[in-house]
Amino acid sequence: MMNNRFGFVLSGGSVRAAAHVGVLKALEEYALEPDVVVGTSGGSIVAALYATGLSAAELEELFLQYSKAKGKIVDLNWQGAVLALLTWDIKRLTGVVRGASIEAIIAQSLPVQYFRELKKCQLLIPAVNLNNGQQTVFCDYKALGLTLDREGKCEEYPLRDDLSIAQAVRGSISIPGVFVPAVFEDDQSPDCYVDGALRDGYPINIAVRLGKATRVLGVNLGYAGMRRDTILEDGPLEIFSQSLDIIMRGQYRDRLQDRALAASRIMTINPLIYDIGTFEVEYIPQMIARGYEVASRLFRERGLTPGRQDNREILFRMIREPQSFPEKDSPYFKYLLEHQIKERSVPEPQVKPRWLTLLRTATRKRVHG
């Protein structure tokens, strides 16, 4: 299995990470079981819940539960805001959202709490150390067969296995300025951690370099070149989110130059969702459906059959260089861009059967003849 390890990578994307759940539904339907899961930012939530033992159906149920409970997820940092106002010192406000609520929800939803307890698959969660700018990866590096150097690094990444999985997720989702940076009381070296997407929003290189994956299926929820005319009207949070997505796109192009990736077969899915705001949880059901739809279509087009045990080999057959689905400017790509989540769902155009056209023509002739 070591030289045929299957990695599943989940990008950042804030609440759009619900689409990852839909992709996981398709993976289970087609018997595609990853050996290694890497998730950053919003993707780290789905990755952690899945790797610790939740099924796609259980994940969907959990996400739907909170799609109507924004107040339980977003715990505003009122204390910091009040202190900043009373003291006229903006430095007292280190983030708009505390993040304690979402960490607690994740902790109580996880079947196991620590990386060393994982049985389903290995999990890697990157976050950025705000104190030194390095991308730290939380994982069970011993189970992955990795060895640390004197600085606690492997492949130039600092690795840690001492924090809980919920703490790692809390660090990885901490969008600067939005979330209060994650600092853990039981941490011997109290560093601050922020959003893993700052350094790598779609960490396929971590799946290859640290996860030793030779076949990688990823979901990239980032910017795909689409134009957003309302970005200024959407406010500062969406301006910052769009900026991160643009950075992520450049990062991905740079990562493809990594020689370590040349030996791996990589397929990237992008559901092309761009009209959902950072905390618009009410659209979670539609985003799950979108992820499932796009992943299922990819699997069908590549000849996979639900439940078939050799689907992994079929999926990556003939892939010699990184591929993306849907292909840019293809009819399906344009269809997804034109049919965003907030718009009323319109059925995909279908070619009318010739017999139906002839029947309608004959009917009209009888009526008017």
Protein backbone atom coordinates (compact mmCIF):
# COMPACT_ATOMS: atom_id res chain seq x y z
CA MET A 1 0.00 0.00 0.00
CA MET A 2 2.92 2.36 0.68
CA ASN A 3 3.83 2.64 -3.01
CA ASN A 4 0.19 2.92 -4.06
CA ARG A 5 -1.09 5.27 -1.35
CA PHE A 6 -4.27 7.19 -2.17
CA GLY A 7 -4.47 10.74 -0.85
CA PHE A 8 -7.58 12.93 -0.62
CA VAL A 9 -6.96 16.69 -0.31
CA LEU A 10 -9.58 19.22 0.83
CA SER A 11 -8.87 22.88 0.17
CA GLY A 12 -9.89 25.93 2.14
CA GLY A 13 -13.08 27.74 1.28
CA SER A 14 -14.81 28.74 4.55
CA VAL A 15 -18.43 27.51 4.56
CA ARG A 16 -18.08 26.36 0.95
CA ALA A 17 -16.27 23.38 2.49
CA ALA A 18 -19.74 21.82 2.71
CA ALA A 19 -19.15 20.82 -0.92
CA HIS A 20 -16.42 18.47 0.36
CA VAL A 21 -19.14 16.48 2.12
CA GLY A 22 -20.90 15.93 -1.20
CA VAL A 23 -17.67 14.73 -2.78
CA LEU A 24 -17.19 12.29 0.10
CA LYS A 25 -20.68 10.92 -0.54
CA ALA A 26 -19.62 10.15 -4.09
CA LEU A 27 -16.33 8.60 -2.90
CA GLU A 28 -18.19 6.20 -0.64
CA GLU A 29 -20.69 5.34 -3.36
CA TYR A 30 -17.84 4.44 -5.70
CA ALA A 31 -15.82 2.55 -3.03
CA LEU A 32 -12.92 5.01 -3.13
CA GLU A 33 -11.31 4.89 0.33
CA PRO A 34 -8.35 7.25 0.87
CA ASP A 35 -5.34 6.15 2.91
CA VAL A 36 -4.37 9.73 3.72
CA VAL A 37 -6.57 12.81 4.11
CA VAL A 38 -5.20 16.37 4.12
CA GLY A 39 -7.45 19.30 4.94
CA THR A 40 -6.71 22.97 5.44
CA SER A 41 -8.84 25.87 6.66
CA GLY A 42 -12.53 24.99 6.09
CA GLY A 43 -11.43 21.70 4.54
CA SER A 44 -9.77 20.69 7.82
CA ILE A 45 -13.19 20.42 9.49
CA VAL A 46 -14.47 17.88 6.96
CA ALA A 47 -11.12 16.06 6.84
CA ALA A 48 -10.98 15.69 10.63
CA LEU A 49 -14.55 14.45 10.98
CA TYR A 50 -14.14 11.94 8.15
CA ALA A 51 -10.69 10.63 9.17
CA THR A 52 -11.78 10.06 12.76
CA GLY A 53 -14.59 7.76 11.67
CA LEU A 54 -17.71 9.63 10.56
CA SER A 55 -19.36 8.41 7.37
CA ALA A 56 -20.39 10.81 4.62
CA ALA A 57 -24.04 10.39 5.68
CA GLU A 58 -23.17 11.29 9.29
CA LEU A 59 -21.17 14.28 8.08
CA GLU A 60 -24.10 15.45 5.98
CA GLU A 61 -26.47 15.12 8.93
CA LEU A 62 -24.11 17.14 11.13
CA PHE A 63 -23.68 19.90 8.55
CA LEU A 64 -27.42 20.11 7.91
CA GLN A 65 -27.99 20.37 11.66
CA TYR A 66 -25.93 23.55 11.78
CA SER A 67 -27.15 25.03 8.50
CA LYS A 68 -29.92 26.74 10.48
CA ALA A 69 -27.89 27.49 13.60
CA LYS A 70 -25.43 30.23 12.64
CA GLY A 71 -25.59 31.65 16.18
CA LYS A 72 -24.21 28.42 17.64
CA ILE A 73 -21.22 28.47 15.30
CA VAL A 74 -20.28 32.16 15.20
CA ASP A 75 -19.36 33.33 18.72
CA LEU A 76 -18.63 37.01 18.27
CA ASN A 77 -15.73 38.48 20.23
CA TRP A 78 -17.81 41.00 22.18
CA GLN A 79 -15.26 41.23 24.98
CA GLY A 80 -12.49 42.28 22.59
CA ALA A 81 -14.79 44.77 20.86
CA VAL A 82 -15.87 46.36 24.14
CA LEU A 83 -12.30 46.60 25.42
CA ALA A 84 -11.20 48.21 22.17
CA LEU A 85 -13.98 50.79 22.43
CA LEU A 86 -13.43 51.55 26.14
CA THR A 87 -9.69 51.93 25.81
CA TRP A 88 -9.66 53.38 22.28
CA ASP A 89 -7.09 50.69 21.53
CA ILE A 90 -7.86 48.63 18.41
CA LYS A 91 -5.08 46.21 19.43
CA ARG A 92 -7.50 44.75 21.99
CA LEU A 93 -9.59 43.34 19.12
CA THR A 94 -7.55 40.44 17.75
CA GLY A 95 -10.46 38.98 15.79
CA VAL A 96 -14.19 39.33 15.25
CA VAL A 97 -15.00 35.68 16.06
CA ARG A 98 -13.64 33.89 19.13
CA GLY A 99 -13.69 30.41 17.58
CA ALA A 100 -14.32 28.61 20.88
CA SER A 101 -17.82 27.48 19.82
CA ILE A 102 -16.75 25.81 16.60
CA GLU A 103 -13.81 24.12 18.36
CA ALA A 104 -16.21 22.74 20.99
CA ILE A 105 -18.66 21.53 18.31
CA ILE A 106 -15.85 19.74 16.47
CA ALA A 107 -14.45 18.19 19.66
CA GLN A 108 -17.82 16.77 20.70
CA SER A 109 -18.48 15.47 17.17
CA LEU A 110 -15.17 13.62 16.74
CA PRO A 111 -15.24 9.86 17.45
CA VAL A 112 -11.59 10.08 18.62
CA GLN A 113 -9.70 13.12 19.89
CA TYR A 114 -6.01 12.56 19.08
CA PHE A 115 -4.02 11.79 15.95
CA ARG A 116 -2.52 8.66 17.53
CA GLU A 117 -6.02 7.17 17.88
CA LEU A 118 -6.81 7.26 14.15
CA LYS A 119 -7.74 3.94 12.55
CA LYS A 120 -9.71 4.79 9.40
CA CYS A 121 -6.91 6.70 7.64
CA GLN A 122 -4.08 9.12 8.41
CA LEU A 123 -4.87 12.81 8.80
CA LEU A 124 -2.70 15.87 8.17
CA ILE A 125 -3.84 19.40 9.06
CA PRO A 126 -1.65 22.42 8.20
CA ALA A 127 -1.85 25.79 9.94
CA VAL A 128 0.43 28.82 9.81
CA ASN A 129 2.50 29.76 12.85
CA LEU A 130 1.91 33.50 13.11
CA ASN A 131 5.04 34.01 15.21
CA ASN A 132 7.54 32.69 12.68
CA GLY A 133 5.50 32.39 9.45
CA GLN A 134 6.15 28.66 9.08
CA GLN A 135 3.54 26.19 7.94
CA THR A 136 3.14 23.67 10.73
CA VAL A 137 1.51 20.32 9.99
CA PHE A 138 -0.40 18.50 12.74
CA CYS A 139 -0.36 14.72 12.28
CA ASP A 140 0.81 11.40 13.72
CA TYR A 141 4.17 11.56 11.98
CA LYS A 142 5.34 8.26 13.48
CA ALA A 143 2.39 6.37 11.98
CA LEU A 144 3.21 8.03 8.65
CA GLY A 145 6.77 6.70 8.88
CA LEU A 146 8.30 10.18 9.08
CA THR A 147 11.42 11.16 10.99
CA LEU A 148 12.01 14.61 12.44
CA ASP A 149 15.31 16.46 12.25
CA ARG A 150 16.80 18.39 15.17
CA GLU A 151 14.46 21.32 14.53
CA GLY A 152 11.36 19.11 14.62
CA LYS A 153 10.91 19.26 10.85
CA CYS A 154 10.46 16.83 8.00
CA GLU A 155 10.63 17.89 4.35
CA GLU A 156 11.08 21.45 5.73
CA TYR A 157 7.71 21.32 7.52
CA PRO A 158 7.53 21.62 11.32
CA LEU A 159 5.43 18.66 12.50
CA ARG A 160 3.43 18.34 15.72
CA ASP A 161 1.45 15.47 17.19
CA ASP A 162 0.85 16.79 20.71
CA LEU A 163 -2.33 18.83 20.20
CA SER A 164 -5.82 17.39 19.89
CA ILE A 165 -7.42 17.14 16.46
CA ALA A 166 -10.00 19.79 17.41
CA GLN A 167 -7.19 22.17 18.41
CA ALA A 168 -5.43 21.57 15.08
CA VAL A 169 -8.65 22.37 13.22
CA ARG A 170 -9.17 25.49 15.35
CA GLY A 171 -5.74 26.71 14.28
CA SER A 172 -6.22 25.88 10.61
CA ILE A 173 -9.57 27.69 10.23
CA SER A 174 -8.45 30.93 11.92
CA ILE A 175 -8.79 33.48 9.12
CA PRO A 176 -6.66 36.48 10.19
CA GLY A 177 -8.76 39.40 11.35
CA VAL A 178 -11.91 37.27 11.36
CA PHE A 179 -11.00 34.66 13.98
CA VAL A 180 -8.97 35.30 17.10
CA PRO A 181 -5.64 33.47 16.47
CA ALA A 182 -5.47 30.06 18.12
CA VAL A 183 -3.28 29.88 21.24
CA PHE A 184 -3.49 26.77 23.40
CA GLU A 185 -3.00 26.87 27.17
CA ASP A 186 -1.46 23.40 27.32
CA ASP A 187 1.06 24.31 24.62
CA GLN A 188 4.60 24.39 26.05
CA SER A 189 5.62 26.94 23.43
CA PRO A 190 2.55 29.21 23.16
CA ASP A 191 2.67 30.09 19.48
CA CYS A 192 -0.26 31.68 17.62
CA TYR A 193 -1.79 29.75 14.73
CA VAL A 194 -3.84 31.13 11.86
CA ASP A 195 -5.47 29.92 8.65
CA GLY A 196 -3.48 27.22 6.86
CA ALA A 197 -4.61 28.69 3.53
CA LEU A 198 -2.25 31.64 4.03
CA ARG A 199 0.67 29.45 2.98
CA ASP A 200 -1.12 26.75 1.01
CA GLY A 201 -4.86 26.77 0.36
CA TYR A 202 -4.80 23.50 -1.58
CA PRO A 203 -2.01 21.40 0.00
CA ILE A 204 -1.48 18.61 -2.52
CA ASN A 205 2.27 18.81 -1.89
CA ILE A 206 1.71 17.86 1.76
CA ALA A 207 -0.24 14.78 0.63
CA VAL A 208 2.68 13.79 -1.61
CA ARG A 209 5.71 14.86 0.46
CA LEU A 210 4.48 13.93 3.93
CA GLY A 211 1.54 11.62 3.21
CA LYS A 212 3.58 9.74 0.56
CA ALA A 213 0.54 9.60 -1.72
CA THR A 214 1.19 8.48 -5.28
CA ARG A 215 -2.41 9.02 -6.34
CA VAL A 216 -4.15 12.20 -5.26
CA LEU A 217 -7.76 13.25 -5.65
CA GLY A 218 -8.34 16.80 -4.47
CA VAL A 219 -11.19 19.27 -4.15
CA ASN A 220 -10.11 22.83 -4.82
CA LEU A 221 -12.80 25.35 -3.89
CA GLY A 222 -10.62 28.29 -4.83
CA TYR A 223 -10.77 30.93 -7.52
CA ALA A 224 -10.96 29.55 -11.06
CA GLY A 225 -10.80 32.78 -13.02
CA MET A 226 -14.47 33.74 -12.80
CA ARG A 227 -15.38 37.42 -12.62
CA ARG A 228 -17.08 38.72 -9.45
CA ASP A 229 -18.65 42.10 -10.16
CA THR A 230 -20.26 42.51 -6.72
CA ILE A 231 -17.13 41.93 -4.65
CA LEU A 232 -16.96 45.52 -3.34
CA GLU A 233 -20.63 45.44 -2.40
CA ASP A 234 -20.13 42.21 -0.44
CA GLY A 235 -18.00 43.92 2.18
CA PRO A 236 -14.48 43.64 3.65
CA LEU A 237 -14.79 39.98 4.69
CA GLU A 238 -15.55 38.85 1.15
CA ILE A 239 -12.83 41.13 -0.27
CA PHE A 240 -10.34 39.36 2.00
CA SER A 241 -11.77 35.93 1.17
CA GLN A 242 -11.53 36.60 -2.56
CA SER A 243 -7.96 37.80 -2.06
CA LEU A 244 -7.08 34.50 -0.34
CA ASP A 245 -8.68 32.58 -3.21
CA ILE A 246 -6.57 34.50 -5.75
CA ILE A 247 -3.44 33.74 -3.71
CA MET A 248 -4.49 30.07 -3.58
CA ARG A 249 -4.70 29.95 -7.37
CA GLY A 250 -1.15 31.25 -7.70
CA GLN A 251 0.05 28.81 -5.02
CA TYR A 252 -1.44 25.89 -6.92
CA ARG A 253 0.37 26.81 -10.12
CA ASP A 254 3.62 27.08 -8.16
CA ARG A 255 3.05 23.71 -6.44
CA LEU A 256 2.77 22.00 -9.81
CA GLN A 257 6.43 22.86 -10.39
CA ASP A 258 7.41 20.76 -7.36
CA ARG A 259 9.44 17.81 -8.65
CA ALA A 260 8.05 15.58 -5.89
CA LEU A 261 4.63 15.84 -7.52
CA ALA A 262 5.89 14.56 -10.87
CA ALA A 263 5.76 10.93 -9.70
CA SER A 264 2.15 11.22 -8.49
CA ARG A 265 -1.08 11.08 -10.45
CA ILE A 266 -3.25 14.07 -9.52
CA MET A 267 -6.89 14.80 -10.28
CA THR A 268 -8.53 18.00 -9.02
CA ILE A 269 -12.26 18.65 -8.74
CA ASN A 270 -13.58 22.21 -8.56
CA PRO A 271 -17.36 22.57 -8.03
CA LEU A 272 -17.00 26.24 -9.11
CA ILE A 273 -18.93 27.83 -6.26
CA TYR A 274 -18.18 31.51 -5.84
CA ASP A 275 -21.35 33.27 -4.76
CA ILE A 276 -21.50 32.03 -1.15
CA GLY A 277 -20.26 34.26 1.67
CA THR A 278 -17.94 33.13 4.47
CA PHE A 279 -20.69 32.47 7.03
CA GLU A 280 -23.73 31.80 4.80
CA VAL A 281 -24.45 28.41 6.36
CA GLU A 282 -28.05 28.45 5.11
CA TYR A 283 -26.79 27.28 1.70
CA ILE A 284 -25.10 24.15 3.08
CA PRO A 285 -27.66 21.71 1.57
CA GLN A 286 -27.19 23.11 -1.94
CA MET A 287 -23.39 23.04 -1.64
CA ILE A 288 -23.38 19.40 -0.51
CA ALA A 289 -25.56 18.56 -3.51
CA ARG A 290 -23.21 20.48 -5.83
CA GLY A 291 -20.13 18.60 -4.58
CA TYR A 292 -21.87 15.26 -5.03
CA GLU A 293 -23.11 16.16 -8.52
CA VAL A 294 -19.70 17.22 -9.85
CA ALA A 295 -17.77 14.30 -8.30
CA SER A 296 -20.33 11.75 -9.51
CA ARG A 297 -20.17 13.15 -13.03
CA LEU A 298 -16.36 12.86 -13.03
CA PHE A 299 -16.53 9.25 -11.88
CA ARG A 300 -19.11 8.33 -14.51
CA GLU A 301 -17.14 10.02 -17.29
CA ARG A 302 -14.02 8.09 -16.32
CA GLY A 303 -15.88 4.78 -16.43
CA LEU A 304 -16.23 4.05 -12.73
CA THR A 305 -19.06 1.84 -11.45
CA PRO A 306 -20.65 2.30 -8.00
CA GLY A 307 -19.23 -0.17 -5.49
CA ARG A 308 -16.59 -1.58 -7.83
CA GLN A 309 -13.38 -2.41 -5.96
CA ASP A 310 -10.94 -1.50 -8.75
CA ASN A 311 -12.36 2.03 -9.19
CA ARG A 312 -9.17 3.54 -7.80
CA GLU A 313 -7.11 2.10 -10.63
CA ILE A 314 -9.71 3.11 -13.21
CA LEU A 315 -9.90 6.69 -11.88
CA PHE A 316 -6.17 7.32 -12.18
CA ARG A 317 -5.57 5.29 -15.32
CA MET A 318 -3.96 7.31 -18.13
CA ILE A 319 -3.28 10.32 -15.89
CA ARG A 320 0.29 11.38 -16.62
CA GLU A 321 0.10 15.03 -15.57
CA PRO A 322 -2.21 16.92 -13.19
CA GLN A 323 -5.76 17.17 -14.50
CA SER A 324 -8.76 19.26 -13.46
CA PHE A 325 -12.49 18.61 -13.66
CA PRO A 326 -14.41 20.18 -15.21
CA GLU A 327 -11.93 21.26 -17.84
CA LYS A 328 -11.65 25.02 -18.14
CA ASP A 329 -14.04 26.50 -20.74
CA SER A 330 -15.71 23.13 -21.36
CA PRO A 331 -19.55 23.17 -21.68
CA TYR A 332 -19.91 21.74 -18.16
CA PHE A 333 -17.46 24.31 -16.76
CA LYS A 334 -19.52 27.12 -18.29
CA TYR A 335 -22.75 25.54 -17.09
CA LEU A 336 -21.54 25.45 -13.48
CA LEU A 337 -20.37 29.07 -13.62
CA GLU A 338 -23.73 30.17 -15.01
CA HIS A 339 -25.69 28.26 -12.37
CA GLN A 340 -24.51 29.42 -8.98
CA ILE A 341 -25.95 28.24 -5.68
CA LYS A 342 -28.01 31.33 -4.91
CA GLU A 343 -29.72 31.31 -8.28
CA ARG A 344 -32.85 29.25 -8.83
CA SER A 345 -31.84 25.80 -9.93
CA VAL A 346 -32.27 25.31 -13.67
CA PRO A 347 -32.01 21.81 -15.20
CA GLU A 348 -28.94 21.26 -17.32
CA PRO A 349 -29.78 21.58 -21.04
CA GLN A 350 -30.53 18.23 -22.61
CA VAL A 351 -30.63 17.28 -26.28
CA LYS A 352 -34.24 16.49 -27.22
CA PRO A 353 -34.76 13.02 -28.76
CA ARG A 354 -35.56 13.18 -32.47
CA TRP A 355 -38.79 11.19 -31.99
CA LEU A 356 -40.07 13.82 -29.54
CA THR A 357 -39.34 16.65 -31.99
CA LEU A 358 -41.17 14.80 -34.82
CA LEU A 359 -44.14 14.05 -32.54
CA ARG A 360 -44.50 17.69 -31.50
CA THR A 361 -44.26 18.84 -35.14
CA ALA A 362 -46.97 16.38 -36.20
CA THR A 363 -49.20 17.43 -33.28
CA ARG A 364 -48.91 21.12 -34.22
CA LYS A 365 -49.81 20.30 -37.83
CA ARG A 366 -52.96 18.47 -36.73
CA VAL A 367 -54.01 21.30 -34.43
CA HIS A 368 -53.44 24.04 -37.01
CA GLY A 369 -54.22 21.95 -40.11
